Every structure is written in structure tokens, then in C-alpha cells.
């Protein structure tokens, strides 16, 4: 899986968790199905200890989850 991050008109590509997703998948804040893998049943972001990603990758995943929540694609809390 690759992450495309745009900052200052540059694209940075990183490898991320080859176990869960294919190499040619791209992580984006609009890809809700992929982001749900990094959220627990209560709607909280999983720690990097439980997901197995690196620190830099965890920051990007957290940023995309927060962005998707702000836009309204993901709920802030899951109600039972």
C-alpha cells in the first residue's frame, strides 16, 4: 500500500502494511473502507502498537481519519 502525501507541491510515497492491503492501493482520506481498519469499534484511532505501522505513517493515518471526520465521511463516535 502506498500513501500519497502532498506538501509544498511534492508527492511522497511510503510503503505501509503489506499484510492488510495490496502494494498498489493508495491511502486517501476519502477511502473510508481502508480507514475503518485503523479505527476500533468505539470510533477511536488504533495505536501504532496494535496496527504495526511506523510513527510517520501513523501520523498520516491519524491526519486522514481526522480529516474524514471533519468532512463528515466518518463519525466521531459510534452510537449503539
PDB file of N, CA and C in Angstrom:
ATOM      1  N   UNK A   1       0.843  -1.167   0.000  1.00  0.00           N
ATOM      2  CA  UNK A   1       0.000   0.000   0.000  1.00  0.00           C
ATOM      3  C   UNK A   1       0.888   1.230   0.000  1.00  0.00           C
ATOM      4  N   UNK A   2       0.497   2.224  -0.717  1.00  0.00           N
ATOM      5  CA  UNK A   2       1.283   3.445  -0.795  1.00  0.00           C
ATOM      6  C   UNK A   2       0.447   4.613  -0.297  1.00  0.00           C
ATOM      7  N   UNK A   3       1.113   5.562   0.297  1.00  0.00           N
ATOM      8  CA  UNK A   3       0.461   6.774   0.772  1.00  0.00           C
ATOM      9  C   UNK A   3       0.965   7.926  -0.074  1.00  0.00           C
ATOM     10  N   UNK A   4       0.065   8.684  -0.633  1.00  0.00           N
ATOM     11  CA  UNK A   4       0.450   9.885  -1.360  1.00  0.00           C
ATOM     12  C   UNK A   4       0.170  11.077  -0.459  1.00  0.00           C
ATOM     13  N   UNK A   5       1.192  11.800  -0.155  1.00  0.00           N
ATOM     14  CA  UNK A   5       1.057  12.964   0.703  1.00  0.00           C
ATOM     15  C   UNK A   5       1.555  14.165  -0.075  1.00  0.00           C
ATOM     16  N   UNK A   6       0.722  15.171  -0.201  1.00  0.00           N
ATOM     17  CA  UNK A   6       1.113  16.370  -0.928  1.00  0.00           C
ATOM     18  C   UNK A   6       1.489  17.449   0.077  1.00  0.00           C
ATOM     19  N   UNK A   7       2.696  17.943  -0.014  1.00  0.00           N
ATOM     20  CA  UNK A   7       3.100  19.073   0.804  1.00  0.00           C
ATOM     21  C   UNK A   7       4.092  19.888  -0.006  1.00  0.00           C
ATOM     22  N   UNK A   8       3.807  21.152  -0.139  1.00  0.00           N
ATOM     23  CA  UNK A   8       4.644  22.061  -0.921  1.00  0.00           C
ATOM     24  C   UNK A   8       4.849  21.547  -2.339  1.00  0.00           C
ATOM     25  N   UNK A   9       3.751  21.092  -2.947  1.00  0.00           N
ATOM     26  CA  UNK A   9       3.734  20.605  -4.326  1.00  0.00           C
ATOM     27  C   UNK A   9       4.655  19.402  -4.552  1.00  0.00           C
ATOM     28  N   UNK A  10       4.951  18.647  -3.513  1.00  0.00           N
ATOM     29  CA  UNK A  10       5.768  17.449  -3.659  1.00  0.00           C
ATOM     30  C   UNK A  10       4.934  16.251  -3.236  1.00  0.00           C
ATOM     31  N   UNK A  11       5.154  15.110  -3.891  1.00  0.00           N
ATOM     32  CA  UNK A  11       4.458  13.885  -3.519  1.00  0.00           C
ATOM     33  C   UNK A  11       5.470  12.935  -2.890  1.00  0.00           C
ATOM     34  N   UNK A  12       5.122  12.430  -1.723  1.00  0.00           N
ATOM     35  CA  UNK A  12       5.987  11.475  -1.044  1.00  0.00           C
ATOM     36  C   UNK A  12       5.260  10.138  -0.997  1.00  0.00           C
ATOM     37  N   UNK A  13       5.947   9.083  -1.354  1.00  0.00           N
ATOM     38  CA  UNK A  13       5.342   7.759  -1.393  1.00  0.00           C
ATOM     39  C   UNK A  13       6.023   6.889  -0.343  1.00  0.00           C
ATOM     40  N   UNK A  14       5.217   6.195   0.467  1.00  0.00           N
ATOM     41  CA  UNK A  14       5.751   5.319   1.503  1.00  0.00           C
ATOM     42  C   UNK A  14       5.039   3.978   1.452  1.00  0.00           C
ATOM     43  N   UNK A  15       5.731   2.929   1.862  1.00  0.00           N
ATOM     44  CA  UNK A  15       5.105   1.613   1.963  1.00  0.00           C
ATOM     45  C   UNK A  15       4.415   1.504   3.317  1.00  0.00           C
ATOM     46  N   UNK A  16       3.283   0.788   3.342  1.00  0.00           N
ATOM     47  CA  UNK A  16       2.519   0.678   4.575  1.00  0.00           C
ATOM     48  C   UNK A  16       1.813  -0.661   4.621  1.00  0.00           C
ATOM     49  N   UNK A  17       2.008  -1.401   5.642  1.00  0.00           N
ATOM     50  CA  UNK A  17       1.279  -2.631   5.956  1.00  0.00           C
ATOM     51  C   UNK A  17       0.930  -3.487   4.753  1.00  0.00           C
ATOM     52  N   UNK A  18       1.889  -4.214   4.262  1.00  0.00           N
ATOM     53  CA  UNK A  18       1.657  -5.057   3.098  1.00  0.00           C
ATOM     54  C   UNK A  18       0.771  -6.244   3.442  1.00  0.00           C
ATOM     55  N   UNK A  19       0.648  -6.555   4.728  1.00  0.00           N
ATOM     56  CA  UNK A  19      -0.179  -7.684   5.141  1.00  0.00           C
ATOM     57  C   UNK A  19      -1.655  -7.438   4.863  1.00  0.00           C
ATOM     58  N   UNK A  20      -2.131  -6.245   5.166  1.00  0.00           N
ATOM     59  CA  UNK A  20      -3.564  -5.971   5.094  1.00  0.00           C
ATOM     60  C   UNK A  20      -4.030  -5.547   3.713  1.00  0.00           C
ATOM     61  N   UNK A  21      -3.200  -4.814   2.998  1.00  0.00           N
ATOM     62  CA  UNK A  21      -3.625  -4.290   1.710  1.00  0.00           C
ATOM     63  C   UNK A  21      -2.567  -4.556   0.650  1.00  0.00           C
ATOM     64  N   UNK A  22      -2.952  -4.424  -0.583  1.00  0.00           N
ATOM     65  CA  UNK A  22      -2.035  -4.660  -1.695  1.00  0.00           C
ATOM     66  C   UNK A  22      -1.083  -3.484  -1.860  1.00  0.00           C
ATOM     67  N   UNK A  23       0.025  -3.723  -2.551  1.00  0.00           N
ATOM     68  CA  UNK A  23       1.026  -2.675  -2.747  1.00  0.00           C
ATOM     69  C   UNK A  23       0.517  -1.510  -3.583  1.00  0.00           C
ATOM     70  N   UNK A  24      -0.366  -1.782  -4.527  1.00  0.00           N
ATOM     71  CA  UNK A  24      -0.792  -0.717  -5.430  1.00  0.00           C
ATOM     72  C   UNK A  24      -1.992   0.067  -4.910  1.00  0.00           C
ATOM     73  N   UNK A  25      -2.465  -0.206  -3.698  1.00  0.00           N
ATOM     74  CA  UNK A  25      -3.543   0.581  -3.110  1.00  0.00           C
ATOM     75  C   UNK A  25      -2.995   1.922  -2.630  1.00  0.00           C
ATOM     76  N   UNK A  26      -3.813   2.939  -2.712  1.00  0.00           N
ATOM     77  CA  UNK A  26      -3.409   4.278  -2.304  1.00  0.00           C
ATOM     78  C   UNK A  26      -4.291   4.716  -1.147  1.00  0.00           C
ATOM     79  N   UNK A  27      -3.668   5.199  -0.071  1.00  0.00           N
ATOM     80  CA  UNK A  27      -4.413   5.678   1.087  1.00  0.00           C
ATOM     81  C   UNK A  27      -4.817   7.119   0.843  1.00  0.00           C
ATOM     82  N   UNK A  28      -6.100   7.389   1.011  1.00  0.00           N
ATOM     83  CA  UNK A  28      -6.638   8.721   0.809  1.00  0.00           C
ATOM     84  C   UNK A  28      -7.692   8.953   1.877  1.00  0.00           C
ATOM     85  N   UNK A  29      -7.941  10.192   2.249  1.00  0.00           N
ATOM     86  CA  UNK A  29      -8.920  10.460   3.288  1.00  0.00           C
ATOM     87  C   UNK A  29     -10.335  10.136   2.837  1.00  0.00           C
ATOM     88  N   UNK A  30     -10.551   9.952   1.538  1.00  0.00           N
ATOM     89  CA  UNK A  30     -11.876   9.609   1.025  1.00  0.00           C
ATOM     90  C   UNK A  30     -12.111   8.103   0.974  1.00  0.00           C
ATOM     91  N   UNK A  31     -11.080   7.304   1.232  1.00  0.00           N
ATOM     92  CA  UNK A  31     -11.199   5.843   1.210  1.00  0.00           C
ATOM     93  C   UNK A  31     -11.627   5.364   2.597  1.00  0.00           C
ATOM     94  N   UNK A  32     -12.923   5.356   2.840  1.00  0.00           N
ATOM     95  CA  UNK A  32     -13.477   5.075   4.158  1.00  0.00           C
ATOM     96  C   UNK A  32     -13.256   3.622   4.570  1.00  0.00           C
ATOM     97  N   UNK A  33     -13.386   2.693   3.637  1.00  0.00           N
ATOM     98  CA  UNK A  33     -13.229   1.274   3.969  1.00  0.00           C
ATOM     99  C   UNK A  33     -11.828   0.976   4.498  1.00  0.00           C
ATOM    100  N   UNK A  34     -10.831   1.595   3.914  1.00  0.00           N
ATOM    101  CA  UNK A  34      -9.460   1.381   4.360  1.00  0.00           C
ATOM    102  C   UNK A  34      -9.193   2.075   5.696  1.00  0.00           C
ATOM    103  N   UNK A  35      -9.742   3.267   5.893  1.00  0.00           N
ATOM    104  CA  UNK A  35      -9.536   3.985   7.152  1.00  0.00           C
ATOM    105  C   UNK A  35     -10.230   3.297   8.317  1.00  0.00           C
ATOM    106  N   UNK A  36     -11.315   2.578   8.055  1.00  0.00           N
ATOM    107  CA  UNK A  36     -12.028   1.879   9.127  1.00  0.00           C
ATOM    108  C   UNK A  36     -11.197   0.757   9.732  1.00  0.00           C
ATOM    109  N   UNK A  37     -10.175   0.290   9.033  1.00  0.00           N
ATOM    110  CA  UNK A  37      -9.285  -0.736   9.577  1.00  0.00           C
ATOM    111  C   UNK A  37      -8.430  -0.185  10.713  1.00  0.00           C
ATOM    112  N   UNK A  38      -8.280   1.130  10.775  1.00  0.00           N
ATOM    113  CA  UNK A  38      -7.454   1.762  11.793  1.00  0.00           C
ATOM    114  C   UNK A  38      -8.289   2.429  12.884  1.00  0.00           C
ATOM    115  N   UNK A  39      -9.581   2.084  12.954  1.00  0.00           N
ATOM    116  CA  UNK A  39     -10.487   2.610  13.971  1.00  0.00           C
ATOM    117  C   UNK A  39     -11.099   1.431  14.712  1.00  0.00           C
ATOM    118  N   UNK A  40     -11.201   1.522  16.050  1.00  0.00           N
ATOM    119  CA  UNK A  40     -11.810   0.424  16.796  1.00  0.00           C
ATOM    120  C   UNK A  40     -13.331   0.530  16.765  1.00  0.00           C
ATOM    121  N   UNK A  41     -14.001  -0.361  17.476  1.00  0.00           N
ATOM    122  CA  UNK A  41     -15.463  -0.411  17.424  1.00  0.00           C
ATOM    123  C   UNK A  41     -16.128   0.791  18.080  1.00  0.00           C
ATOM    124  N   UNK A  42     -15.398   1.528  18.914  1.00  0.00           N
ATOM    125  CA  UNK A  42     -15.943   2.733  19.534  1.00  0.00           C
ATOM    126  C   UNK A  42     -15.702   3.984  18.698  1.00  0.00           C
ATOM    127  N   UNK A  43     -14.909   3.867  17.654  1.00  0.00           N
ATOM    128  CA  UNK A  43     -14.615   5.002  16.795  1.00  0.00           C
ATOM    129  C   UNK A  43     -13.293   5.676  17.101  1.00  0.00           C
ATOM    130  N   UNK A  44     -12.504   5.095  17.999  1.00  0.00           N
ATOM    131  CA  UNK A  44     -11.211   5.674  18.356  1.00  0.00           C
ATOM    132  C   UNK A  44     -10.128   5.185  17.400  1.00  0.00           C
ATOM    133  N   UNK A  45      -9.107   6.008  17.204  1.00  0.00           N
ATOM    134  CA  UNK A  45      -7.988   5.644  16.339  1.00  0.00           C
ATOM    135  C   UNK A  45      -7.117   4.631  17.075  1.00  0.00           C
ATOM    136  N   UNK A  46      -6.779   3.531  16.397  1.00  0.00           N
ATOM    137  CA  UNK A  46      -5.944   2.498  16.999  1.00  0.00           C
ATOM    138  C   UNK A  46      -4.507   2.982  17.136  1.00  0.00           C
ATOM    139  N   UNK A  47      -3.815   2.486  18.158  1.00  0.00           N
ATOM    140  CA  UNK A  47      -2.422   2.871  18.376  1.00  0.00           C
ATOM    141  C   UNK A  47      -1.521   2.174  17.370  1.00  0.00           C
ATOM    142  N   UNK A  48      -0.324   2.696  17.210  1.00  0.00           N
ATOM    143  CA  UNK A  48       0.585   2.076  16.256  1.00  0.00           C
ATOM    144  C   UNK A  48       1.117   0.754  16.776  1.00  0.00           C
ATOM    145  N   UNK A  49       1.026   0.530  18.063  1.00  0.00           N
ATOM    146  CA  UNK A  49       1.424  -0.761  18.614  1.00  0.00           C
ATOM    147  C   UNK A  49       0.477  -1.859  18.146  1.00  0.00           C
ATOM    148  N   UNK A  50      -0.801  -1.534  18.058  1.00  0.00           N
ATOM    149  CA  UNK A  50      -1.776  -2.542  17.632  1.00  0.00           C
ATOM    150  C   UNK A  50      -1.857  -2.674  16.110  1.00  0.00           C
ATOM    151  N   UNK A  51      -1.539  -1.610  15.372  1.00  0.00           N
ATOM    152  CA  UNK A  51      -1.604  -1.685  13.912  1.00  0.00           C
ATOM    153  C   UNK A  51      -0.286  -2.126  13.296  1.00  0.00           C
ATOM    154  N   UNK A  52       0.833  -1.826  13.954  1.00  0.00           N
ATOM    155  CA  UNK A  52       2.127  -2.249  13.446  1.00  0.00           C
ATOM    156  C   UNK A  52       2.735  -1.327  12.411  1.00  0.00           C
ATOM    157  N   UNK A  53       2.297  -0.076  12.354  1.00  0.00           N
ATOM    158  CA  UNK A  53       2.858   0.864  11.387  1.00  0.00           C
ATOM    159  C   UNK A  53       3.932   1.714  12.055  1.00  0.00           C
ATOM    160  N   UNK A  54       4.704   2.409  11.249  1.00  0.00           N
ATOM    161  CA  UNK A  54       5.758   3.272  11.764  1.00  0.00           C
ATOM    162  C   UNK A  54       5.156   4.587  12.243  1.00  0.00           C
ATOM    163  N   UNK A  55       5.957   5.360  12.967  1.00  0.00           N
ATOM    164  CA  UNK A  55       5.485   6.603  13.565  1.00  0.00           C
ATOM    165  C   UNK A  55       5.011   7.603  12.512  1.00  0.00           C
ATOM    166  N   UNK A  56       5.798   7.766  11.472  1.00  0.00           N
ATOM    167  CA  UNK A  56       5.453   8.722  10.418  1.00  0.00           C
ATOM    168  C   UNK A  56       4.161   8.319   9.712  1.00  0.00           C
ATOM    169  N   UNK A  57       4.007   7.012   9.484  1.00  0.00           N
ATOM    170  CA  UNK A  57       2.805   6.516   8.823  1.00  0.00           C
ATOM    171  C   UNK A  57       1.580   6.669   9.717  1.00  0.00           C
ATOM    172  N   UNK A  58       1.766   6.470  11.035  1.00  0.00           N
ATOM    173  CA  UNK A  58       0.655   6.615  11.971  1.00  0.00           C
ATOM    174  C   UNK A  58       0.157   8.056  11.996  1.00  0.00           C
ATOM    175  N   UNK A  59       1.064   9.015  11.912  1.00  0.00           N
ATOM    176  CA  UNK A  59       0.664  10.420  11.894  1.00  0.00           C
ATOM    177  C   UNK A  59      -0.174  10.737  10.661  1.00  0.00           C
ATOM    178  N   UNK A  60       0.214  10.166   9.526  1.00  0.00           N
ATOM    179  CA  UNK A  60      -0.534  10.408   8.291  1.00  0.00           C
ATOM    180  C   UNK A  60      -1.911   9.756   8.360  1.00  0.00           C
ATOM    181  N   UNK A  61      -1.971   8.532   8.881  1.00  0.00           N
ATOM    182  CA  UNK A  61      -3.257   7.845   9.027  1.00  0.00           C
ATOM    183  C   UNK A  61      -4.167   8.627   9.957  1.00  0.00           C
ATOM    184  N   UNK A  62      -3.625   9.101  11.088  1.00  0.00           N
ATOM    185  CA  UNK A  62      -4.419   9.886  12.038  1.00  0.00           C
ATOM    186  C   UNK A  62      -4.937  11.168  11.398  1.00  0.00           C
ATOM    187  N   UNK A  63      -4.077  11.811  10.617  1.00  0.00           N
ATOM    188  CA  UNK A  63      -4.474  13.053   9.951  1.00  0.00           C
ATOM    189  C   UNK A  63      -5.610  12.809   8.971  1.00  0.00           C
ATOM    190  N   UNK A  64      -5.527  11.709   8.208  1.00  0.00           N
ATOM    191  CA  UNK A  64      -6.578  11.391   7.246  1.00  0.00           C
ATOM    192  C   UNK A  64      -7.882  11.015   7.941  1.00  0.00           C
ATOM    193  N   UNK A  65      -7.809  10.307   9.060  1.00  0.00           N
ATOM    194  CA  UNK A  65      -9.020   9.956   9.802  1.00  0.00           C
ATOM    195  C   UNK A  65      -9.672  11.215  10.358  1.00  0.00           C
ATOM    196  N   UNK A  66      -8.873  12.109  10.911  1.00  0.00           N
ATOM    197  CA  UNK A  66      -9.418  13.360  11.449  1.00  0.00           C
ATOM    198  C   UNK A  66     -10.021  14.222  10.347  1.00  0.00           C
ATOM    199  N   UNK A  67      -9.389  14.233   9.185  1.00  0.00           N
ATOM    200  CA  UNK A  67      -9.913  14.993   8.052  1.00  0.00           C
ATOM    201  C   UNK A  67     -11.246  14.415   7.581  1.00  0.00           C
ATOM    202  N   UNK A  68     -11.331  13.089   7.520  1.00  0.00           N
ATOM    203  CA  UNK A  68     -12.576  12.435   7.103  1.00  0.00           C
ATOM    204  C   UNK A  68     -13.687  12.675   8.118  1.00  0.00           C
ATOM    205  N   UNK A  69     -13.337  12.745   9.402  1.00  0.00           N
ATOM    206  CA  UNK A  69     -14.337  13.048  10.435  1.00  0.00           C
ATOM    207  C   UNK A  69     -14.852  14.477  10.288  1.00  0.00           C
ATOM    208  N   UNK A  70     -13.949  15.406  10.028  1.00  0.00           N
ATOM    209  CA  UNK A  70     -14.336  16.809   9.899  1.00  0.00           C
ATOM    210  C   UNK A  70     -15.260  17.021   8.707  1.00  0.00           C
ATOM    211  N   UNK A  71     -14.972  16.353   7.612  1.00  0.00           N
ATOM    212  CA  UNK A  71     -15.802  16.480   6.414  1.00  0.00           C
ATOM    213  C   UNK A  71     -17.149  15.798   6.600  1.00  0.00           C
ATOM    214  N   UNK A  72     -17.181  14.770   7.452  1.00  0.00           N
ATOM    215  CA  UNK A  72     -18.431  14.064   7.699  1.00  0.00           C
ATOM    216  C   UNK A  72     -18.485  12.689   7.067  1.00  0.00           C
ATOM    217  N   UNK A  73     -17.356  12.196   6.585  1.00  0.00           N
ATOM    218  CA  UNK A  73     -17.324  10.868   5.981  1.00  0.00           C
ATOM    219  C   UNK A  73     -17.264   9.770   7.036  1.00  0.00           C
ATOM    220  N   UNK A  74     -16.634  10.064   8.175  1.00  0.00           N
ATOM    221  CA  UNK A  74     -16.561   9.132   9.298  1.00  0.00           C
ATOM    222  C   UNK A  74     -17.222   9.771  10.513  1.00  0.00           C
ATOM    223  N   UNK A  75     -17.886   8.980  11.350  1.00  0.00           N
ATOM    224  CA  UNK A  75     -18.468   9.549  12.570  1.00  0.00           C
ATOM    225  C   UNK A  75     -17.387   9.780  13.629  1.00  0.00           C
ATOM    226  N   UNK A  76     -17.614  10.761  14.501  1.00  0.00           N
ATOM    227  CA  UNK A  76     -16.681  10.994  15.596  1.00  0.00           C
ATOM    228  C   UNK A  76     -16.797   9.885  16.631  1.00  0.00           C
ATOM    229  N   UNK A  77     -18.025   9.479  16.941  1.00  0.00           N
ATOM    230  CA  UNK A  77     -18.291   8.391  17.875  1.00  0.00           C
ATOM    231  C   UNK A  77     -19.310   7.453  17.268  1.00  0.00           C
ATOM    232  N   UNK A  78     -19.162   6.174  17.568  1.00  0.00           N
ATOM    233  CA  UNK A  78     -20.159   5.212  17.105  1.00  0.00           C
ATOM    234  C   UNK A  78     -21.209   5.065  18.191  1.00  0.00           C
ATOM    235  N   UNK A  79     -22.452   5.282  17.835  1.00  0.00           N
ATOM    236  CA  UNK A  79     -23.544   5.155  18.795  1.00  0.00           C
ATOM    237  C   UNK A  79     -24.151   3.773  18.681  1.00  0.00           C
ATOM    238  N   UNK A  80     -24.450   3.180  19.830  1.00  0.00           N
ATOM    239  CA  UNK A  80     -25.052   1.839  19.820  1.00  0.00           C
ATOM    240  C   UNK A  80     -26.546   1.894  19.685  1.00  0.00           C
TER     241      UNK A  80
END
